[in-house]
Amino acid sequence: MTQLDVMYRYDALPREATMMALGRVREVYGVRRVTFDQSAKTVRVEYDATRLTEAIVHQLLRRTGLDVVERVSLIPPQPEPEVAAPAAS
């Protein structure tokens, strides 16, 4: 079993029917967890990569009626390395 996480940003707040449909997504074999962050307007899905692909997870969310806007990287941006100035002779 290979566990992966994917995060998406959504635009409009989900309606009641959308939330009920999202509850059924949790019942899909291979989906382990669905987590919402309303302040950031993101949804994070933990899934089994041996059963599902990221494209299938995205499609499952779209079929619920959730207004998925973009995929969000779970890797924070790395700082640029400082370049040392050449030593003067």
N, C-alpha and C. Protein backbone atom coordinates (compact mmCIF):
# COMPACT_ATOMS: atom_id res chain seq x y z
N MET A 1 0.84 -1.17 0.00
CA MET A 1 0.00 0.00 0.00
C MET A 1 0.89 1.24 0.00
N THR A 2 0.65 2.13 -0.92
CA THR A 2 1.41 3.37 -1.03
C THR A 2 0.47 4.55 -0.78
N GLN A 3 0.68 5.25 0.32
CA GLN A 3 -0.18 6.37 0.67
C GLN A 3 0.37 7.67 0.08
N LEU A 4 -0.49 8.41 -0.60
CA LEU A 4 -0.14 9.71 -1.15
C LEU A 4 -1.17 10.73 -0.71
N ASP A 5 -0.76 11.98 -0.68
CA ASP A 5 -1.66 13.09 -0.40
C ASP A 5 -1.65 14.03 -1.59
N VAL A 6 -2.81 14.61 -1.85
CA VAL A 6 -2.92 15.63 -2.88
C VAL A 6 -3.82 16.72 -2.32
N MET A 7 -3.49 17.98 -2.64
CA MET A 7 -4.27 19.10 -2.13
C MET A 7 -4.73 19.96 -3.30
N TYR A 8 -5.98 20.41 -3.21
CA TYR A 8 -6.57 21.27 -4.22
C TYR A 8 -7.16 22.51 -3.56
N ARG A 9 -7.12 23.61 -4.29
CA ARG A 9 -7.80 24.84 -3.86
C ARG A 9 -9.15 24.88 -4.56
N TYR A 10 -10.17 25.24 -3.82
CA TYR A 10 -11.50 25.39 -4.41
C TYR A 10 -11.93 26.84 -4.31
N ASP A 11 -12.89 27.23 -5.14
CA ASP A 11 -13.29 28.64 -5.23
C ASP A 11 -14.49 28.94 -4.34
N ALA A 12 -15.64 28.38 -4.66
CA ALA A 12 -16.86 28.68 -3.91
C ALA A 12 -17.03 27.70 -2.76
N LEU A 13 -17.61 28.19 -1.67
CA LEU A 13 -17.88 27.31 -0.55
C LEU A 13 -18.84 26.20 -0.99
N PRO A 14 -18.59 24.97 -0.57
CA PRO A 14 -19.45 23.86 -0.98
C PRO A 14 -20.84 23.97 -0.39
N ARG A 15 -21.84 23.62 -1.18
CA ARG A 15 -23.23 23.61 -0.71
C ARG A 15 -23.48 22.30 0.02
N GLU A 16 -24.67 22.19 0.59
CA GLU A 16 -25.02 20.99 1.35
C GLU A 16 -24.96 19.73 0.48
N ALA A 17 -25.47 19.80 -0.74
CA ALA A 17 -25.45 18.63 -1.63
C ALA A 17 -24.02 18.22 -1.96
N THR A 18 -23.15 19.20 -2.14
CA THR A 18 -21.74 18.92 -2.42
C THR A 18 -21.08 18.26 -1.23
N MET A 19 -21.38 18.74 -0.03
CA MET A 19 -20.79 18.14 1.17
C MET A 19 -21.27 16.71 1.36
N MET A 20 -22.52 16.43 1.04
CA MET A 20 -23.02 15.07 1.15
C MET A 20 -22.32 14.16 0.13
N ALA A 21 -22.11 14.68 -1.08
CA ALA A 21 -21.41 13.91 -2.10
C ALA A 21 -19.95 13.68 -1.70
N LEU A 22 -19.33 14.67 -1.07
CA LEU A 22 -17.95 14.51 -0.59
C LEU A 22 -17.87 13.46 0.51
N GLY A 23 -18.91 13.35 1.30
CA GLY A 23 -18.95 12.31 2.31
C GLY A 23 -18.94 10.93 1.67
N ARG A 24 -19.57 10.80 0.52
CA ARG A 24 -19.58 9.52 -0.19
C ARG A 24 -18.23 9.23 -0.84
N VAL A 25 -17.45 10.25 -1.14
CA VAL A 25 -16.11 10.04 -1.70
C VAL A 25 -15.25 9.28 -0.69
N ARG A 26 -15.48 9.53 0.58
CA ARG A 26 -14.72 8.82 1.62
C ARG A 26 -14.99 7.32 1.60
N GLU A 27 -16.08 6.93 1.00
CA GLU A 27 -16.43 5.51 0.93
C GLU A 27 -15.80 4.81 -0.28
N VAL A 28 -15.17 5.56 -1.17
CA VAL A 28 -14.52 4.98 -2.35
C VAL A 28 -13.30 4.18 -1.88
N TYR A 29 -13.20 2.96 -2.37
CA TYR A 29 -12.09 2.09 -1.97
C TYR A 29 -10.78 2.70 -2.44
N GLY A 30 -9.91 2.99 -1.50
CA GLY A 30 -8.63 3.61 -1.81
C GLY A 30 -8.51 5.01 -1.23
N VAL A 31 -9.62 5.68 -0.96
CA VAL A 31 -9.59 7.00 -0.33
C VAL A 31 -9.53 6.79 1.18
N ARG A 32 -8.50 7.31 1.81
CA ARG A 32 -8.34 7.11 3.26
C ARG A 32 -8.88 8.28 4.06
N ARG A 33 -8.69 9.51 3.58
CA ARG A 33 -9.10 10.67 4.37
C ARG A 33 -9.33 11.85 3.44
N VAL A 34 -10.33 12.66 3.78
CA VAL A 34 -10.60 13.92 3.08
C VAL A 34 -10.66 14.99 4.16
N THR A 35 -9.81 16.03 4.03
CA THR A 35 -9.71 17.08 5.04
C THR A 35 -9.90 18.44 4.38
N PHE A 36 -10.71 19.30 5.02
CA PHE A 36 -10.97 20.64 4.51
C PHE A 36 -10.29 21.68 5.39
N ASP A 37 -9.83 22.75 4.75
CA ASP A 37 -9.34 23.94 5.45
C ASP A 37 -10.13 25.11 4.85
N GLN A 38 -11.18 25.53 5.56
CA GLN A 38 -12.06 26.57 5.01
C GLN A 38 -11.36 27.91 4.90
N SER A 39 -10.44 28.21 5.82
CA SER A 39 -9.77 29.51 5.76
C SER A 39 -8.87 29.62 4.54
N ALA A 40 -8.22 28.52 4.16
CA ALA A 40 -7.35 28.51 2.98
C ALA A 40 -8.08 28.06 1.73
N LYS A 41 -9.34 27.62 1.89
CA LYS A 41 -10.15 27.09 0.79
C LYS A 41 -9.43 25.95 0.08
N THR A 42 -8.97 24.97 0.88
CA THR A 42 -8.29 23.81 0.31
C THR A 42 -8.94 22.53 0.81
N VAL A 43 -8.80 21.50 0.01
CA VAL A 43 -9.22 20.16 0.38
C VAL A 43 -8.03 19.25 0.14
N ARG A 44 -7.75 18.40 1.12
CA ARG A 44 -6.61 17.48 1.04
C ARG A 44 -7.14 16.06 1.09
N VAL A 45 -6.69 15.24 0.15
CA VAL A 45 -7.15 13.86 0.06
C VAL A 45 -5.95 12.93 0.23
N GLU A 46 -6.07 12.01 1.18
CA GLU A 46 -5.07 10.97 1.36
C GLU A 46 -5.65 9.72 0.70
N TYR A 47 -4.87 9.11 -0.20
CA TYR A 47 -5.37 7.96 -0.95
C TYR A 47 -4.29 6.92 -1.15
N ASP A 48 -4.73 5.72 -1.50
CA ASP A 48 -3.85 4.60 -1.76
C ASP A 48 -3.49 4.61 -3.25
N ALA A 49 -2.22 4.86 -3.55
CA ALA A 49 -1.78 4.99 -4.94
C ALA A 49 -1.78 3.66 -5.69
N THR A 50 -1.91 2.54 -4.98
CA THR A 50 -2.02 1.26 -5.68
C THR A 50 -3.44 1.02 -6.17
N ARG A 51 -4.39 1.82 -5.69
CA ARG A 51 -5.79 1.69 -6.09
C ARG A 51 -6.28 2.84 -6.96
N LEU A 52 -5.76 4.03 -6.71
CA LEU A 52 -6.24 5.24 -7.40
C LEU A 52 -5.05 6.04 -7.93
N THR A 53 -5.33 6.91 -8.89
CA THR A 53 -4.34 7.87 -9.36
C THR A 53 -4.79 9.27 -8.97
N GLU A 54 -3.88 10.22 -9.09
CA GLU A 54 -4.22 11.61 -8.78
C GLU A 54 -5.32 12.11 -9.70
N ALA A 55 -5.31 11.69 -10.96
CA ALA A 55 -6.35 12.11 -11.91
C ALA A 55 -7.73 11.59 -11.50
N ILE A 56 -7.78 10.37 -10.99
CA ILE A 56 -9.06 9.82 -10.54
C ILE A 56 -9.56 10.57 -9.31
N VAL A 57 -8.67 10.89 -8.37
CA VAL A 57 -9.05 11.64 -7.18
C VAL A 57 -9.59 13.01 -7.59
N HIS A 58 -8.93 13.66 -8.53
CA HIS A 58 -9.38 14.96 -9.02
C HIS A 58 -10.78 14.84 -9.63
N GLN A 59 -10.98 13.81 -10.43
CA GLN A 59 -12.29 13.60 -11.07
C GLN A 59 -13.38 13.32 -10.03
N LEU A 60 -13.05 12.55 -9.00
CA LEU A 60 -14.02 12.28 -7.93
C LEU A 60 -14.47 13.57 -7.27
N LEU A 61 -13.52 14.47 -7.00
CA LEU A 61 -13.87 15.74 -6.38
C LEU A 61 -14.71 16.60 -7.31
N ARG A 62 -14.36 16.64 -8.59
CA ARG A 62 -15.13 17.43 -9.55
C ARG A 62 -16.56 16.92 -9.69
N ARG A 63 -16.73 15.60 -9.63
CA ARG A 63 -18.07 15.02 -9.78
C ARG A 63 -18.99 15.33 -8.61
N THR A 64 -18.42 15.69 -7.46
CA THR A 64 -19.26 16.05 -6.31
C THR A 64 -19.87 17.44 -6.48
N GLY A 65 -19.30 18.23 -7.38
CA GLY A 65 -19.77 19.59 -7.57
C GLY A 65 -18.84 20.61 -6.94
N LEU A 66 -17.76 20.14 -6.33
CA LEU A 66 -16.79 21.06 -5.73
C LEU A 66 -16.08 21.83 -6.83
N ASP A 67 -15.97 23.13 -6.67
CA ASP A 67 -15.37 24.01 -7.67
C ASP A 67 -13.84 24.01 -7.51
N VAL A 68 -13.19 22.95 -7.98
CA VAL A 68 -11.73 22.81 -7.87
C VAL A 68 -11.07 23.77 -8.85
N VAL A 69 -10.18 24.60 -8.32
CA VAL A 69 -9.51 25.62 -9.13
C VAL A 69 -8.12 25.17 -9.56
N GLU A 70 -7.33 24.67 -8.60
CA GLU A 70 -5.96 24.30 -8.90
C GLU A 70 -5.43 23.29 -7.89
N ARG A 71 -4.36 22.61 -8.29
CA ARG A 71 -3.66 21.71 -7.38
C ARG A 71 -2.64 22.54 -6.62
N VAL A 72 -2.51 22.29 -5.33
CA VAL A 72 -1.59 23.02 -4.48
C VAL A 72 -0.43 22.11 -4.12
N SER A 73 0.78 22.62 -4.24
CA SER A 73 1.96 21.84 -3.90
C SER A 73 2.05 21.66 -2.39
N LEU A 74 2.33 20.45 -1.96
CA LEU A 74 2.50 20.17 -0.53
C LEU A 74 3.93 20.40 -0.07
N ILE A 75 4.82 20.67 -1.00
CA ILE A 75 6.22 20.93 -0.69
C ILE A 75 6.41 22.44 -0.56
N PRO A 76 6.84 22.91 0.59
CA PRO A 76 7.01 24.36 0.74
C PRO A 76 8.13 24.87 -0.15
N PRO A 77 8.04 26.13 -0.58
CA PRO A 77 9.10 26.68 -1.43
C PRO A 77 10.43 26.72 -0.68
N GLN A 78 11.49 26.37 -1.37
CA GLN A 78 12.81 26.34 -0.77
C GLN A 78 13.50 27.68 -0.98
N PRO A 79 14.25 28.15 0.03
CA PRO A 79 14.97 29.42 -0.14
C PRO A 79 16.09 29.28 -1.16
N GLU A 80 16.34 30.37 -1.85
CA GLU A 80 17.42 30.38 -2.84
C GLU A 80 18.77 30.32 -2.11
N PRO A 81 19.68 29.48 -2.59
CA PRO A 81 21.00 29.43 -1.93
C PRO A 81 21.77 30.72 -2.20
N GLU A 82 22.50 31.14 -1.20
CA GLU A 82 23.31 32.36 -1.35
C GLU A 82 24.57 32.03 -2.13
N VAL A 83 24.91 32.89 -3.05
CA VAL A 83 26.11 32.72 -3.86
C VAL A 83 27.21 33.55 -3.22
N ALA A 84 28.33 32.89 -2.89
CA ALA A 84 29.45 33.60 -2.26
C ALA A 84 30.18 34.43 -3.33
N ALA A 85 30.53 35.63 -2.94
CA ALA A 85 31.28 36.51 -3.84
C ALA A 85 32.72 35.98 -3.96
N PRO A 86 33.32 36.11 -5.15
CA PRO A 86 34.71 35.66 -5.30
C PRO A 86 35.65 36.48 -4.43
N ALA A 87 36.64 35.81 -3.86
CA ALA A 87 37.59 36.49 -2.98
C ALA A 87 38.51 37.39 -3.81
N ALA A 88 38.74 38.60 -3.31
CA ALA A 88 39.64 39.54 -3.98
C ALA A 88 41.08 39.20 -3.63
N SER A 89 41.96 39.26 -4.60
CA SER A 89 43.37 38.96 -4.30
C SER A 89 44.22 40.18 -4.30
